Protein backbone atom coordinates (compact mmCIF):
# COMPACT_ATOMS: atom_id res chain seq x y z
CA MET A 1 -40.43 5.53 0.50
CA PRO A 2 -42.19 6.72 3.59
CA LYS A 3 -41.43 10.60 4.53
CA HIS A 4 -39.70 10.03 7.68
CA MET A 5 -37.43 6.77 5.65
CA PHE A 6 -36.60 9.31 2.72
CA LEU A 7 -35.43 11.95 5.55
CA LEU A 8 -33.47 9.47 7.43
CA THR A 9 -32.10 7.97 4.08
CA ILE A 10 -30.56 12.09 3.57
CA ILE A 11 -29.40 11.97 6.83
CA PHE A 12 -27.33 9.30 6.51
CA LEU A 13 -26.07 9.81 3.67
CA PHE A 14 -24.94 13.55 4.37
CA MET A 15 -23.14 11.78 7.68
CA GLU A 16 -21.58 9.51 4.66
CA ALA A 17 -20.16 12.32 2.99
CA ASN A 18 -19.37 14.15 5.58
CA THR A 19 -17.00 11.38 7.11
CA PHE A 20 -15.95 10.50 3.37
CA SER A 21 -14.47 14.33 3.16
CA GLN A 22 -12.81 14.02 6.55
CA SER A 23 -11.20 11.28 5.33
CA SER A 24 -10.07 12.83 1.98
CA ASN A 25 -8.39 15.67 3.98
CA LYS A 26 -5.94 13.48 5.94
CA THR A 27 -2.41 12.48 4.17
CA TYR A 28 -0.45 9.95 5.41
CA ILE A 29 2.91 9.55 4.39
CA LEU A 30 4.38 5.69 4.82
CA VAL A 31 8.01 5.55 6.29
CA HIS A 32 9.23 1.66 5.57
CA GLY A 33 11.99 -0.03 8.38
CA ALA A 34 15.69 -1.21 7.27
CA GLY A 35 16.41 -2.94 3.69
CA HIS A 36 12.34 -2.96 2.89
CA ALA A 37 10.74 0.09 1.05
CA SER A 38 7.57 1.12 -0.20
CA TRP A 39 6.78 -2.32 -1.98
CA CYS A 40 5.95 -3.03 1.75
CA TRP A 41 2.90 -1.34 1.67
CA LYS A 42 1.11 -2.56 -1.26
CA LYS A 43 -1.61 -4.23 0.57
CA VAL A 44 -2.07 -0.84 2.81
CA VAL A 45 -2.29 1.63 0.30
CA PRO A 46 -5.01 0.56 -2.39
CA LEU A 47 -7.36 0.10 1.60
CA MET A 48 -6.26 3.59 2.40
CA GLU A 49 -7.15 4.85 -0.65
CA SER A 50 -10.51 3.14 -0.61
CA LYS A 51 -11.35 4.94 2.37
CA GLY A 52 -10.66 7.87 0.97
CA PHE A 53 -7.34 8.83 2.49
CA LYS A 54 -4.42 10.37 0.88
CA VAL A 55 -1.33 7.79 0.81
CA ILE A 56 2.59 8.44 0.10
CA ALA A 57 4.60 5.78 0.29
CA LEU A 58 8.83 6.42 0.08
CA ASP A 59 11.42 4.68 -0.53
CA LEU A 60 14.34 5.91 1.56
CA PRO A 61 17.86 6.32 0.19
CA SER A 62 19.17 4.41 3.36
CA SER A 63 17.54 1.09 1.23
CA GLY A 64 19.02 -0.16 -1.96
CA ASN A 65 20.96 -2.67 -3.56
CA ASP A 66 24.22 -0.33 -4.76
CA THR A 67 26.35 -0.66 -1.56
CA ASN A 68 29.02 1.44 -2.94
CA GLN A 69 26.44 4.58 -2.61
CA LEU A 70 24.59 3.36 0.45
CA LYS A 71 27.87 4.28 2.08
CA ASN A 72 27.51 8.05 1.68
CA ILE A 73 23.84 7.90 3.18
CA THR A 74 23.31 9.20 6.38
CA LEU A 75 20.04 9.54 8.37
CA ASP A 76 19.79 13.14 7.24
CA ASN A 77 18.94 11.72 3.73
CA ASP A 78 16.27 9.66 4.84
CA VAL A 79 14.60 12.20 6.98
CA LYS A 80 15.17 14.93 3.93
CA LYS A 81 12.91 12.37 1.64
CA VAL A 82 10.01 12.79 4.32
CA THR A 83 10.68 16.12 4.95
CA ASP A 84 10.22 17.19 1.00
CA ALA A 85 7.54 14.50 0.61
CA ALA A 86 5.70 16.50 3.61
CA LYS A 87 6.00 19.72 1.85
CA THR A 88 4.45 18.73 -1.56
CA ILE A 89 0.74 18.73 0.36
CA GLU A 90 -0.95 21.76 1.60
CA GLY A 91 -1.62 21.13 5.25
CA LYS A 92 -0.84 19.00 7.44
CA VAL A 93 0.12 15.00 7.02
CA ILE A 94 0.63 12.44 9.26
CA LEU A 95 3.25 10.40 9.57
CA VAL A 96 3.86 6.51 10.12
CA GLY A 97 6.93 4.57 10.53
CA HIS A 98 7.59 0.52 10.74
CA SER A 99 10.41 -0.60 12.98
CA SER A 100 13.47 1.88 12.10
CA GLY A 101 11.34 4.19 10.13
CA GLY A 102 9.88 5.66 13.70
CA ILE A 103 13.65 7.12 14.02
CA VAL A 104 13.25 8.93 10.37
CA ILE A 105 9.91 9.84 11.07
CA SER A 106 11.04 11.70 14.55
CA GLN A 107 13.35 13.65 13.05
CA ALA A 108 11.15 14.55 10.20
CA ALA A 109 9.00 15.90 12.80
CA GLU A 110 11.32 17.76 15.07
CA LEU A 111 12.15 19.97 12.03
CA LEU A 112 8.71 20.27 10.50
CA GLY A 113 6.97 20.78 13.68
CA SER A 114 3.30 20.62 14.87
CA LYS A 115 2.29 23.11 12.17
CA LYS A 116 2.50 20.62 9.86
CA ILE A 117 2.44 17.62 11.57
CA GLU A 118 -0.66 16.28 12.78
CA LYS A 119 0.02 13.04 14.35
CA LEU A 120 2.67 10.71 14.28
CA ILE A 121 2.19 6.55 14.06
CA TYR A 122 4.38 4.35 15.38
CA LEU A 123 4.20 0.84 13.87
CA ASP A 124 6.04 -1.81 16.29
CA ALA A 125 8.79 1.35 15.68
CA PHE A 126 11.55 2.35 17.31
CA LEU A 127 10.06 5.63 19.41
CA PRO A 128 13.24 7.38 20.65
CA GLN A 129 14.09 10.31 23.20
CA ASN A 130 16.53 12.92 21.97
CA GLY A 131 19.97 11.18 21.27
CA GLU A 132 18.93 8.04 20.54
CA SER A 133 19.10 6.08 17.73
CA VAL A 134 18.20 2.65 16.26
CA PHE A 135 21.16 0.79 17.73
CA SER A 136 20.81 2.56 21.21
CA LEU A 137 17.09 1.53 21.43
CA ALA A 138 17.77 -1.65 20.41
CA GLY A 139 20.26 -2.29 23.28
CA LYS A 140 18.51 -0.74 25.55
CA ILE A 141 15.10 -3.18 24.55
CA GLN A 142 17.26 -5.84 25.07
CA GLN A 143 18.79 -4.75 28.73
CA THR A 144 15.05 -3.95 29.83
CA ASN A 145 13.61 -7.64 28.39
CA LYS A 146 16.72 -9.25 30.16
CA GLU A 147 15.86 -7.40 33.62
CA SER A 148 12.40 -8.29 33.34
CA SER A 149 13.18 -11.83 32.14
CA ALA A 150 11.25 -11.26 28.64
CA SER A 151 12.15 -13.02 25.68
CA GLY A 152 13.11 -10.51 22.70
CA ALA A 153 15.71 -11.29 19.65
CA ASP A 154 18.14 -9.41 19.26
CA THR A 155 18.36 -7.46 15.79
CA ARG A 156 21.94 -7.24 15.77
CA GLN A 157 22.97 -10.98 16.30
CA PRO A 158 25.36 -11.88 13.55
CA GLU A 159 23.50 -15.14 12.05
CA LEU A 160 20.62 -12.03 11.24
CA LEU A 161 22.56 -9.52 9.66
CA LEU A 162 24.62 -10.11 7.02
CA PHE A 163 27.70 -6.87 6.35
CA SER A 164 29.38 -5.51 3.50
CA ALA A 165 33.23 -5.74 2.86
CA ASP A 166 33.44 -2.56 4.60
CA LYS A 167 30.81 -2.74 7.27
CA LYS A 168 28.50 0.26 6.32
CA SER A 169 26.04 -1.38 4.97
CA PHE A 170 24.01 -5.07 5.61
CA GLU A 171 21.50 -7.32 4.30
CA TRP A 172 19.35 -9.77 6.24
CA ASN A 173 19.72 -13.09 6.01
CA PRO A 174 16.60 -13.93 3.83
CA GLU A 175 16.21 -17.36 5.75
CA VAL A 176 16.55 -15.69 9.09
CA ALA A 177 14.17 -12.58 8.79
CA GLN A 178 11.27 -15.30 7.42
CA GLN A 179 11.58 -16.36 10.79
CA ILE A 180 11.96 -12.65 12.60
CA PHE A 181 9.64 -10.85 10.72
CA TYR A 182 7.15 -12.94 8.23
CA HIS A 183 6.18 -15.66 10.73
CA ASP A 184 2.83 -15.27 10.09
CA CYS A 185 2.26 -14.26 6.58
CA SER A 186 1.51 -16.08 3.56
CA PRO A 187 4.33 -18.20 1.51
CA GLU A 188 3.60 -15.54 -1.62
CA ASP A 189 4.03 -12.82 0.95
CA VAL A 190 7.49 -14.55 1.78
CA ALA A 191 8.94 -15.03 -1.30
CA PHE A 192 7.58 -11.53 -2.24
CA ALA A 193 9.92 -9.74 0.64
CA LYS A 194 12.74 -12.50 0.35
CA VAL A 195 13.21 -10.91 -3.62
CA HIS A 196 12.81 -7.29 -2.87
CA LEU A 197 14.48 -7.14 0.76
CA ALA A 198 17.51 -4.78 -0.09
CA TRP A 199 20.76 -3.36 1.74
CA GLN A 200 20.73 -0.81 4.21
CA SER A 201 22.77 1.61 5.57
CA VAL A 202 24.40 1.35 8.82
CA ALA A 203 25.11 5.02 9.25
CA THR A 204 21.38 5.72 9.24
CA LEU A 205 20.37 3.28 12.31
CA ALA A 206 23.48 3.91 14.21
CA THR A 207 23.08 8.25 14.29
CA PRO A 208 21.33 9.80 17.22
CA VAL A 209 18.14 11.68 16.63
CA GLN A 210 18.12 15.52 17.87
CA LEU A 211 15.02 16.05 19.45
CA SER A 212 12.89 18.94 21.36
CA GLU A 213 10.18 18.97 23.57
CA SER A 214 9.05 22.27 21.80
CA ASN A 215 8.67 20.96 18.34
CA TYR A 216 8.99 16.72 18.42
CA GLY A 217 7.47 16.68 22.09
CA ALA A 218 4.58 19.45 20.86
CA ILE A 219 3.38 16.44 18.13
CA LYS A 220 0.61 13.76 19.23
CA LYS A 221 1.93 9.97 19.02
CA TYR A 222 0.28 6.71 18.82
CA TYR A 223 1.66 3.18 18.79
CA ILE A 224 0.84 0.22 17.59
CA LEU A 225 2.78 -2.63 19.08
CA CYS A 226 2.80 -6.42 17.04
CA THR A 227 2.17 -8.54 20.37
CA GLU A 228 3.39 -11.34 18.51
CA ALA A 229 6.32 -9.83 16.69
CA LYS A 230 10.05 -12.03 16.89
CA ASP A 231 12.75 -9.48 16.52
CA MET A 232 12.08 -8.01 19.65
CA ASP A 233 9.71 -6.99 22.50
CA LYS A 234 9.01 -3.14 22.20
CA SER A 235 6.19 -2.79 24.72
CA SER A 236 8.22 -1.25 27.08
CA LEU A 237 9.48 1.58 24.71
CA THR A 238 6.04 3.98 25.21
CA SER A 239 6.68 3.98 29.38
CA TYR A 240 9.60 6.60 28.12
CA VAL A 241 8.21 8.87 25.47
CA GLN A 242 4.37 9.76 26.38
CA CYS A 243 1.89 8.16 23.54
CA GLU A 244 -1.94 9.21 23.32
CA LYS A 245 -2.77 5.43 22.84
CA VAL A 246 -1.10 2.42 22.49
CA TYR A 247 -2.85 -0.35 20.07
CA GLU A 248 -1.99 -4.08 20.53
CA LEU A 249 -1.88 -6.02 16.75
CA ALA A 250 -1.25 -9.64 17.23
CA SER A 251 0.49 -9.91 14.47
CA SER A 252 4.36 -10.74 13.40
CA HIS A 253 6.39 -7.40 12.65
CA SER A 254 4.83 -7.40 9.38
CA PRO A 255 1.63 -6.63 9.59
CA PHE A 256 0.90 -4.60 6.11
CA PHE A 257 1.17 -8.59 4.82
CA SER A 258 -0.83 -10.65 7.40
CA MET A 259 -3.34 -8.57 8.33
CA PRO A 260 -3.79 -5.21 6.19
CA GLU A 261 -7.31 -4.77 6.70
CA LYS A 262 -7.00 -4.84 10.61
CA LEU A 263 -3.80 -2.60 10.40
CA VAL A 264 -6.01 0.04 8.34
CA ASP A 265 -8.75 -0.04 10.91
CA ILE A 266 -6.40 1.13 13.51
CA PHE A 267 -4.71 3.82 11.30
CA ALA A 268 -8.42 5.16 10.64
CA ALA A 269 -9.50 4.68 14.56
CA ILE A 270 -6.57 6.93 15.29
CA ASP A 271 -8.22 10.49 15.72
């Protein structure tokens, strides 16, 4: 091998090793949306790990099959799950929230602060200001879309939500959920999701977050908008809360199933 080619090879290997080393220092905590759990990240986790990232996919206490237990679960329980996981990691972590998980990571970031949270990534998620909840933001989005003549389905419409007798939990109607959440997913992924969808605590979606500019406001935020999502058009959210950058992904509300490689590429591109 010519000397100059040998040197170029050494330089390339050094750059690759340095990039991998930087990636391996990053820890992502993945937070699912309502009725879901860590299973929704089953394609994403190995792809991220192959890039050298450390990944923790959580199961939030607000989602499960015991409606008797769910009636006592609050947003605080979900937030504690995230903060406890973050505290087990040395150094900073990156929080990723999908859908209603955006509310959870926001409140967790408020408690942990910028010394612990490197950045927040909202995957087609609810991006709150102080005092807002999933339900209040859903209403805000619906009103904004109505005023701009944009179309967007109301996630609280009766045919999509099936409530428990005490109205303290709900489950997604699996037939409607297929069209709203997974319309571009494979039949195998749709079947998998239908089997695993669980009941969701209503309180966690109705509880307003308590956020401050000094904590939550000081942490960099990035938004990934799923432009083909049929649940509702969330494009207006980033006009209320500043984000460093908004990425667009031409997918349904569930890109972790339909295009996990493209999703992970965006995660990796967020610097």
